[in-house]
């Protein structure tokens, strides 16, 4: 069994592709504000997205964050994180 097969996988809410957890950014909801969880250790539900502007915009266009957190989410705090 290879070491790669033991890596935890997560699905990007933007492009819907499964990737290794370490290759994705975890976003958490604090109140109604979305925050980047750089260490991926904050409590609560998280949504994973590739660290690309395309995946982030796709997630916003499809209301993926609203569905993931089951409520209306303000993404303004994290938009600058995904801009080049």
PDB file of N, CA and C in Angstrom:
ATOM      1  N   UNK A   1       0.851  -1.177   0.000  1.00  0.00           N
ATOM      2  CA  UNK A   1       0.000   0.000   0.000  1.00  0.00           C
ATOM      3  C   UNK A   1       0.898   1.241   0.000  1.00  0.00           C
ATOM      4  N   UNK A   2       0.649   2.155  -0.894  1.00  0.00           N
ATOM      5  CA  UNK A   2       1.487   3.350  -0.989  1.00  0.00           C
ATOM      6  C   UNK A   2       1.087   4.387   0.048  1.00  0.00           C
ATOM      7  N   UNK A   3       2.010   5.303   0.321  1.00  0.00           N
ATOM      8  CA  UNK A   3       1.750   6.362   1.308  1.00  0.00           C
ATOM      9  C   UNK A   3       0.652   7.308   0.836  1.00  0.00           C
ATOM     10  N   UNK A   4       0.532   7.479  -0.477  1.00  0.00           N
ATOM     11  CA  UNK A   4      -0.489   8.387  -1.006  1.00  0.00           C
ATOM     12  C   UNK A   4      -1.896   7.886  -0.743  1.00  0.00           C
ATOM     13  N   UNK A   5      -2.088   6.599  -0.677  1.00  0.00           N
ATOM     14  CA  UNK A   5      -3.435   6.068  -0.469  1.00  0.00           C
ATOM     15  C   UNK A   5      -3.916   6.292   0.967  1.00  0.00           C
ATOM     16  N   UNK A   6      -3.003   6.639   1.880  1.00  0.00           N
ATOM     17  CA  UNK A   6      -3.383   6.880   3.265  1.00  0.00           C
ATOM     18  C   UNK A   6      -3.702   8.339   3.549  1.00  0.00           C
ATOM     19  N   UNK A   7      -3.523   9.217   2.579  1.00  0.00           N
ATOM     20  CA  UNK A   7      -3.800  10.634   2.789  1.00  0.00           C
ATOM     21  C   UNK A   7      -5.304  10.863   2.878  1.00  0.00           C
ATOM     22  N   UNK A   8      -5.747  11.712   3.815  1.00  0.00           N
ATOM     23  CA  UNK A   8      -7.175  12.032   3.875  1.00  0.00           C
ATOM     24  C   UNK A   8      -7.580  12.851   2.659  1.00  0.00           C
ATOM     25  N   UNK A   9      -8.717  12.534   2.082  1.00  0.00           N
ATOM     26  CA  UNK A   9      -9.230  13.241   0.908  1.00  0.00           C
ATOM     27  C   UNK A   9     -10.399  14.128   1.303  1.00  0.00           C
ATOM     28  N   UNK A  10     -10.522  15.258   0.632  1.00  0.00           N
ATOM     29  CA  UNK A  10     -11.647  16.168   0.813  1.00  0.00           C
ATOM     30  C   UNK A  10     -12.101  16.614  -0.577  1.00  0.00           C
ATOM     31  N   UNK A  11     -13.331  17.072  -0.670  1.00  0.00           N
ATOM     32  CA  UNK A  11     -13.879  17.542  -1.939  1.00  0.00           C
ATOM     33  C   UNK A  11     -13.913  19.056  -1.955  1.00  0.00           C
ATOM     34  N   UNK A  12     -13.383  19.643  -3.006  1.00  0.00           N
ATOM     35  CA  UNK A  12     -13.419  21.096  -3.190  1.00  0.00           C
ATOM     36  C   UNK A  12     -14.862  21.501  -3.496  1.00  0.00           C
ATOM     37  N   UNK A  13     -15.389  22.488  -2.757  1.00  0.00           N
ATOM     38  CA  UNK A  13     -16.773  22.915  -2.988  1.00  0.00           C
ATOM     39  C   UNK A  13     -16.900  23.738  -4.263  1.00  0.00           C
ATOM     40  N   UNK A  14     -15.783  24.150  -4.844  1.00  0.00           N
ATOM     41  CA  UNK A  14     -15.818  24.930  -6.086  1.00  0.00           C
ATOM     42  C   UNK A  14     -15.874  24.051  -7.320  1.00  0.00           C
ATOM     43  N   UNK A  15     -14.863  23.196  -7.487  1.00  0.00           N
ATOM     44  CA  UNK A  15     -14.771  22.368  -8.698  1.00  0.00           C
ATOM     45  C   UNK A  15     -15.308  20.953  -8.487  1.00  0.00           C
ATOM     46  N   UNK A  16     -15.592  20.576  -7.221  1.00  0.00           N
ATOM     47  CA  UNK A  16     -16.134  19.276  -6.847  1.00  0.00           C
ATOM     48  C   UNK A  16     -15.161  18.126  -7.090  1.00  0.00           C
ATOM     49  N   UNK A  17     -13.860  18.414  -7.215  1.00  0.00           N
ATOM     50  CA  UNK A  17     -12.861  17.358  -7.378  1.00  0.00           C
ATOM     51  C   UNK A  17     -12.304  16.979  -6.014  1.00  0.00           C
ATOM     52  N   UNK A  18     -12.037  15.684  -5.846  1.00  0.00           N
ATOM     53  CA  UNK A  18     -11.448  15.208  -4.590  1.00  0.00           C
ATOM     54  C   UNK A  18      -9.940  15.381  -4.661  1.00  0.00           C
ATOM     55  N   UNK A  19      -9.379  15.904  -3.585  1.00  0.00           N
ATOM     56  CA  UNK A  19      -7.938  16.128  -3.502  1.00  0.00           C
ATOM     57  C   UNK A  19      -7.475  15.813  -2.092  1.00  0.00           C
ATOM     58  N   UNK A  20      -6.158  15.699  -1.954  1.00  0.00           N
ATOM     59  CA  UNK A  20      -5.594  15.491  -0.630  1.00  0.00           C
ATOM     60  C   UNK A  20      -5.922  16.699   0.234  1.00  0.00           C
ATOM     61  N   UNK A  21      -6.231  16.448   1.488  1.00  0.00           N
ATOM     62  CA  UNK A  21      -6.618  17.514   2.419  1.00  0.00           C
ATOM     63  C   UNK A  21      -5.558  18.605   2.494  1.00  0.00           C
ATOM     64  N   UNK A  22      -4.280  18.233   2.433  1.00  0.00           N
ATOM     65  CA  UNK A  22      -3.213  19.220   2.547  1.00  0.00           C
ATOM     66  C   UNK A  22      -3.123  20.147   1.336  1.00  0.00           C
ATOM     67  N   UNK A  23      -3.769  19.818   0.228  1.00  0.00           N
ATOM     68  CA  UNK A  23      -3.759  20.653  -0.958  1.00  0.00           C
ATOM     69  C   UNK A  23      -4.944  21.603  -1.039  1.00  0.00           C
ATOM     70  N   UNK A  24      -5.782  21.613  -0.004  1.00  0.00           N
ATOM     71  CA  UNK A  24      -6.972  22.455   0.007  1.00  0.00           C
ATOM     72  C   UNK A  24      -6.926  23.422   1.181  1.00  0.00           C
ATOM     73  N   UNK A  25      -7.702  24.485   1.082  1.00  0.00           N
ATOM     74  CA  UNK A  25      -7.819  25.467   2.148  1.00  0.00           C
ATOM     75  C   UNK A  25      -9.139  25.194   2.866  1.00  0.00           C
ATOM     76  N   UNK A  26      -9.104  25.141   4.195  1.00  0.00           N
ATOM     77  CA  UNK A  26     -10.322  24.924   4.982  1.00  0.00           C
ATOM     78  C   UNK A  26     -10.891  26.272   5.388  1.00  0.00           C
ATOM     79  N   UNK A  27     -12.167  26.449   5.156  1.00  0.00           N
ATOM     80  CA  UNK A  27     -12.879  27.659   5.551  1.00  0.00           C
ATOM     81  C   UNK A  27     -13.898  27.285   6.622  1.00  0.00           C
ATOM     82  N   UNK A  28     -13.984  28.107   7.651  1.00  0.00           N
ATOM     83  CA  UNK A  28     -14.932  27.859   8.740  1.00  0.00           C
ATOM     84  C   UNK A  28     -15.832  29.072   8.902  1.00  0.00           C
ATOM     85  N   UNK A  29     -16.973  28.838   9.482  1.00  0.00           N
ATOM     86  CA  UNK A  29     -17.949  29.889   9.715  1.00  0.00           C
ATOM     87  C   UNK A  29     -17.894  30.311  11.175  1.00  0.00           C
ATOM     88  N   UNK A  30     -17.627  31.595  11.396  1.00  0.00           N
ATOM     89  CA  UNK A  30     -17.614  32.165  12.741  1.00  0.00           C
ATOM     90  C   UNK A  30     -18.671  33.259  12.738  1.00  0.00           C
ATOM     91  N   UNK A  31     -19.782  33.001  13.409  1.00  0.00           N
ATOM     92  CA  UNK A  31     -20.939  33.887  13.312  1.00  0.00           C
ATOM     93  C   UNK A  31     -21.530  33.733  11.929  1.00  0.00           C
ATOM     94  N   UNK A  32     -21.531  34.810  11.157  1.00  0.00           N
ATOM     95  CA  UNK A  32     -21.956  34.723   9.757  1.00  0.00           C
ATOM     96  C   UNK A  32     -20.805  35.041   8.813  1.00  0.00           C
ATOM     97  N   UNK A  33     -19.593  35.177   9.366  1.00  0.00           N
ATOM     98  CA  UNK A  33     -18.412  35.504   8.576  1.00  0.00           C
ATOM     99  C   UNK A  33     -17.599  34.242   8.277  1.00  0.00           C
ATOM    100  N   UNK A  34     -17.177  34.114   7.033  1.00  0.00           N
ATOM    101  CA  UNK A  34     -16.329  33.015   6.621  1.00  0.00           C
ATOM    102  C   UNK A  34     -14.880  33.391   6.907  1.00  0.00           C
ATOM    103  N   UNK A  35     -14.118  32.487   7.499  1.00  0.00           N
ATOM    104  CA  UNK A  35     -12.719  32.729   7.848  1.00  0.00           C
ATOM    105  C   UNK A  35     -11.859  31.586   7.328  1.00  0.00           C
ATOM    106  N   UNK A  36     -10.604  31.903   6.990  1.00  0.00           N
ATOM    107  CA  UNK A  36      -9.648  30.890   6.569  1.00  0.00           C
ATOM    108  C   UNK A  36      -9.083  30.220   7.817  1.00  0.00           C
ATOM    109  N   UNK A  37      -9.135  28.913   7.848  1.00  0.00           N
ATOM    110  CA  UNK A  37      -8.587  28.132   8.949  1.00  0.00           C
ATOM    111  C   UNK A  37      -7.244  27.575   8.478  1.00  0.00           C
ATOM    112  N   UNK A  38      -6.190  28.370   8.618  1.00  0.00           N
ATOM    113  CA  UNK A  38      -4.885  28.018   8.072  1.00  0.00           C
ATOM    114  C   UNK A  38      -4.331  26.720   8.654  1.00  0.00           C
ATOM    115  N   UNK A  39      -4.607  26.437   9.891  1.00  0.00           N
ATOM    116  CA  UNK A  39      -4.075  25.240  10.527  1.00  0.00           C
ATOM    117  C   UNK A  39      -5.062  24.073  10.471  1.00  0.00           C
ATOM    118  N   UNK A  40      -6.265  24.328   9.961  1.00  0.00           N
ATOM    119  CA  UNK A  40      -7.316  23.307   9.830  1.00  0.00           C
ATOM    120  C   UNK A  40      -7.622  22.629  11.150  1.00  0.00           C
ATOM    121  N   UNK A  41      -7.688  23.424  12.227  1.00  0.00           N
ATOM    122  CA  UNK A  41      -7.933  22.859  13.549  1.00  0.00           C
ATOM    123  C   UNK A  41      -9.054  23.549  14.308  1.00  0.00           C
ATOM    124  N   UNK A  42      -9.698  24.546  13.721  1.00  0.00           N
ATOM    125  CA  UNK A  42     -10.769  25.226  14.436  1.00  0.00           C
ATOM    126  C   UNK A  42     -11.981  24.314  14.536  1.00  0.00           C
ATOM    127  N   UNK A  43     -12.742  24.519  15.593  1.00  0.00           N
ATOM    128  CA  UNK A  43     -13.941  23.722  15.809  1.00  0.00           C
ATOM    129  C   UNK A  43     -14.998  24.044  14.764  1.00  0.00           C
ATOM    130  N   UNK A  44     -15.879  23.102  14.573  1.00  0.00           N
ATOM    131  CA  UNK A  44     -17.046  23.334  13.734  1.00  0.00           C
ATOM    132  C   UNK A  44     -16.910  22.809  12.326  1.00  0.00           C
ATOM    133  N   UNK A  45     -17.965  23.004  11.599  1.00  0.00           N
ATOM    134  CA  UNK A  45     -18.059  22.552  10.217  1.00  0.00           C
ATOM    135  C   UNK A  45     -17.102  23.347   9.348  1.00  0.00           C
ATOM    136  N   UNK A  46     -16.467  22.675   8.417  1.00  0.00           N
ATOM    137  CA  UNK A  46     -15.557  23.332   7.496  1.00  0.00           C
ATOM    138  C   UNK A  46     -15.924  23.031   6.057  1.00  0.00           C
ATOM    139  N   UNK A  47     -15.525  23.917   5.174  1.00  0.00           N
ATOM    140  CA  UNK A  47     -15.680  23.700   3.737  1.00  0.00           C
ATOM    141  C   UNK A  47     -14.294  23.827   3.129  1.00  0.00           C
ATOM    142  N   UNK A  48     -13.968  22.948   2.210  1.00  0.00           N
ATOM    143  CA  UNK A  48     -12.649  22.930   1.604  1.00  0.00           C
ATOM    144  C   UNK A  48     -12.725  23.436   0.172  1.00  0.00           C
ATOM    145  N   UNK A  49     -11.695  24.186  -0.217  1.00  0.00           N
ATOM    146  CA  UNK A  49     -11.638  24.728  -1.574  1.00  0.00           C
ATOM    147  C   UNK A  49     -10.164  24.818  -1.981  1.00  0.00           C
ATOM    148  N   UNK A  50      -9.897  24.585  -3.280  1.00  0.00           N
ATOM    149  CA  UNK A  50      -8.537  24.776  -3.773  1.00  0.00           C
ATOM    150  C   UNK A  50      -8.157  26.249  -3.631  1.00  0.00           C
ATOM    151  N   UNK A  51      -6.899  26.516  -3.462  1.00  0.00           N
ATOM    152  CA  UNK A  51      -6.448  27.898  -3.266  1.00  0.00           C
ATOM    153  C   UNK A  51      -6.260  28.589  -4.623  1.00  0.00           C
ATOM    154  N   UNK A  52      -7.315  28.560  -5.427  1.00  0.00           N
ATOM    155  CA  UNK A  52      -7.307  29.249  -6.714  1.00  0.00           C
ATOM    156  C   UNK A  52      -8.522  30.159  -6.798  1.00  0.00           C
ATOM    157  N   UNK A  53      -8.365  31.216  -7.538  1.00  0.00           N
ATOM    158  CA  UNK A  53      -9.472  32.154  -7.703  1.00  0.00           C
ATOM    159  C   UNK A  53     -10.628  31.489  -8.449  1.00  0.00           C
ATOM    160  N   UNK A  54     -10.309  30.591  -9.382  1.00  0.00           N
ATOM    161  CA  UNK A  54     -11.348  29.927 -10.167  1.00  0.00           C
ATOM    162  C   UNK A  54     -12.260  29.061  -9.285  1.00  0.00           C
ATOM    163  N   UNK A  55     -11.657  28.281  -8.407  1.00  0.00           N
ATOM    164  CA  UNK A  55     -12.467  27.425  -7.529  1.00  0.00           C
ATOM    165  C   UNK A  55     -13.279  28.258  -6.542  1.00  0.00           C
ATOM    166  N   UNK A  56     -12.691  29.304  -6.016  1.00  0.00           N
ATOM    167  CA  UNK A  56     -13.408  30.164  -5.076  1.00  0.00           C
ATOM    168  C   UNK A  56     -14.597  30.839  -5.760  1.00  0.00           C
ATOM    169  N   UNK A  57     -14.387  31.364  -6.968  1.00  0.00           N
ATOM    170  CA  UNK A  57     -15.481  32.013  -7.696  1.00  0.00           C
ATOM    171  C   UNK A  57     -16.563  31.008  -8.080  1.00  0.00           C
ATOM    172  N   UNK A  58     -16.163  29.799  -8.451  1.00  0.00           N
ATOM    173  CA  UNK A  58     -17.153  28.766  -8.776  1.00  0.00           C
ATOM    174  C   UNK A  58     -17.998  28.452  -7.542  1.00  0.00           C
ATOM    175  N   UNK A  59     -17.361  28.361  -6.392  1.00  0.00           N
ATOM    176  CA  UNK A  59     -18.097  28.095  -5.156  1.00  0.00           C
ATOM    177  C   UNK A  59     -19.070  29.234  -4.856  1.00  0.00           C
ATOM    178  N   UNK A  60     -18.660  30.467  -5.092  1.00  0.00           N
ATOM    179  CA  UNK A  60     -19.557  31.607  -4.861  1.00  0.00           C
ATOM    180  C   UNK A  60     -20.705  31.598  -5.860  1.00  0.00           C
ATOM    181  N   UNK A  61     -20.424  31.317  -7.117  1.00  0.00           N
ATOM    182  CA  UNK A  61     -21.464  31.317  -8.158  1.00  0.00           C
ATOM    183  C   UNK A  61     -22.526  30.256  -7.918  1.00  0.00           C
ATOM    184  N   UNK A  62     -22.129  29.122  -7.372  1.00  0.00           N
ATOM    185  CA  UNK A  62     -23.069  28.032  -7.132  1.00  0.00           C
ATOM    186  C   UNK A  62     -23.607  28.019  -5.704  1.00  0.00           C
ATOM    187  N   UNK A  63     -23.352  29.089  -4.946  1.00  0.00           N
ATOM    188  CA  UNK A  63     -23.796  29.187  -3.549  1.00  0.00           C
ATOM    189  C   UNK A  63     -23.343  27.983  -2.733  1.00  0.00           C
ATOM    190  N   UNK A  64     -22.164  27.481  -3.038  1.00  0.00           N
ATOM    191  CA  UNK A  64     -21.651  26.281  -2.363  1.00  0.00           C
ATOM    192  C   UNK A  64     -21.404  26.521  -0.887  1.00  0.00           C
ATOM    193  N   UNK A  65     -20.965  27.709  -0.516  1.00  0.00           N
ATOM    194  CA  UNK A  65     -20.716  27.990   0.896  1.00  0.00           C
ATOM    195  C   UNK A  65     -22.030  28.040   1.674  1.00  0.00           C
ATOM    196  N   UNK A  66     -23.052  28.627   1.068  1.00  0.00           N
ATOM    197  CA  UNK A  66     -24.367  28.669   1.719  1.00  0.00           C
ATOM    198  C   UNK A  66     -24.893  27.254   1.951  1.00  0.00           C
ATOM    199  N   UNK A  67     -24.718  26.370   0.969  1.00  0.00           N
ATOM    200  CA  UNK A  67     -25.176  24.986   1.107  1.00  0.00           C
ATOM    201  C   UNK A  67     -24.330  24.223   2.121  1.00  0.00           C
ATOM    202  N   UNK A  68     -23.029  24.432   2.090  1.00  0.00           N
ATOM    203  CA  UNK A  68     -22.155  23.706   3.014  1.00  0.00           C
ATOM    204  C   UNK A  68     -22.455  24.033   4.464  1.00  0.00           C
ATOM    205  N   UNK A  69     -22.730  25.311   4.728  1.00  0.00           N
ATOM    206  CA  UNK A  69     -22.967  25.737   6.100  1.00  0.00           C
ATOM    207  C   UNK A  69     -24.451  25.843   6.446  1.00  0.00           C
ATOM    208  N   UNK A  70     -25.309  25.551   5.455  1.00  0.00           N
ATOM    209  CA  UNK A  70     -26.760  25.526   5.640  1.00  0.00           C
ATOM    210  C   UNK A  70     -27.331  26.858   6.112  1.00  0.00           C
ATOM    211  N   UNK A  71     -26.705  27.962   5.680  1.00  0.00           N
ATOM    212  CA  UNK A  71     -27.196  29.301   5.983  1.00  0.00           C
ATOM    213  C   UNK A  71     -26.490  30.301   5.080  1.00  0.00           C
ATOM    214  N   UNK A  72     -26.979  31.520   5.044  1.00  0.00           N
ATOM    215  CA  UNK A  72     -26.374  32.574   4.241  1.00  0.00           C
ATOM    216  C   UNK A  72     -25.013  32.931   4.823  1.00  0.00           C
ATOM    217  N   UNK A  73     -23.994  32.969   3.966  1.00  0.00           N
ATOM    218  CA  UNK A  73     -22.623  33.194   4.401  1.00  0.00           C
ATOM    219  C   UNK A  73     -22.064  34.447   3.751  1.00  0.00           C
ATOM    220  N   UNK A  74     -21.379  35.274   4.543  1.00  0.00           N
ATOM    221  CA  UNK A  74     -20.702  36.465   4.043  1.00  0.00           C
ATOM    222  C   UNK A  74     -19.259  36.090   3.719  1.00  0.00           C
ATOM    223  N   UNK A  75     -18.880  36.166   2.438  1.00  0.00           N
ATOM    224  CA  UNK A  75     -17.543  35.748   2.009  1.00  0.00           C
ATOM    225  C   UNK A  75     -16.568  36.908   1.867  1.00  0.00           C
ATOM    226  N   UNK A  76     -16.970  38.109   2.238  1.00  0.00           N
ATOM    227  CA  UNK A  76     -16.139  39.286   2.004  1.00  0.00           C
ATOM    228  C   UNK A  76     -14.787  39.230   2.712  1.00  0.00           C
ATOM    229  N   UNK A  77     -14.714  38.594   3.874  1.00  0.00           N
ATOM    230  CA  UNK A  77     -13.449  38.522   4.620  1.00  0.00           C
ATOM    231  C   UNK A  77     -12.406  37.636   3.950  1.00  0.00           C
ATOM    232  N   UNK A  78     -12.810  36.665   3.171  1.00  0.00           N
ATOM    233  CA  UNK A  78     -11.846  35.730   2.587  1.00  0.00           C
ATOM    234  C   UNK A  78     -11.573  35.976   1.106  1.00  0.00           C
ATOM    235  N   UNK A  79     -12.290  36.894   0.480  1.00  0.00           N
ATOM    236  CA  UNK A  79     -12.087  37.122  -0.951  1.00  0.00           C
ATOM    237  C   UNK A  79     -10.649  37.530  -1.272  1.00  0.00           C
ATOM    238  N   UNK A  80     -10.048  38.354  -0.436  1.00  0.00           N
ATOM    239  CA  UNK A  80      -8.685  38.812  -0.701  1.00  0.00           C
ATOM    240  C   UNK A  80      -7.681  37.663  -0.620  1.00  0.00           C
ATOM    241  N   UNK A  81      -7.970  36.620   0.133  1.00  0.00           N
ATOM    242  CA  UNK A  81      -7.086  35.466   0.256  1.00  0.00           C
ATOM    243  C   UNK A  81      -6.946  34.739  -1.076  1.00  0.00           C
ATOM    244  N   UNK A  82      -7.984  34.754  -1.899  1.00  0.00           N
ATOM    245  CA  UNK A  82      -7.991  34.012  -3.154  1.00  0.00           C
ATOM    246  C   UNK A  82      -7.664  34.874  -4.366  1.00  0.00           C
ATOM    247  N   UNK A  83      -7.419  36.136  -4.172  1.00  0.00           N
ATOM    248  CA  UNK A  83      -7.044  37.019  -5.282  1.00  0.00           C
ATOM    249  C   UNK A  83      -5.542  36.926  -5.509  1.00  0.00           C
ATOM    250  N   UNK A  84      -5.110  36.962  -6.779  1.00  0.00           N
ATOM    251  CA  UNK A  84      -3.662  36.880  -7.071  1.00  0.00           C
ATOM    252  C   UNK A  84      -2.905  38.128  -6.651  1.00  0.00           C
TER     253      UNK A  84
END
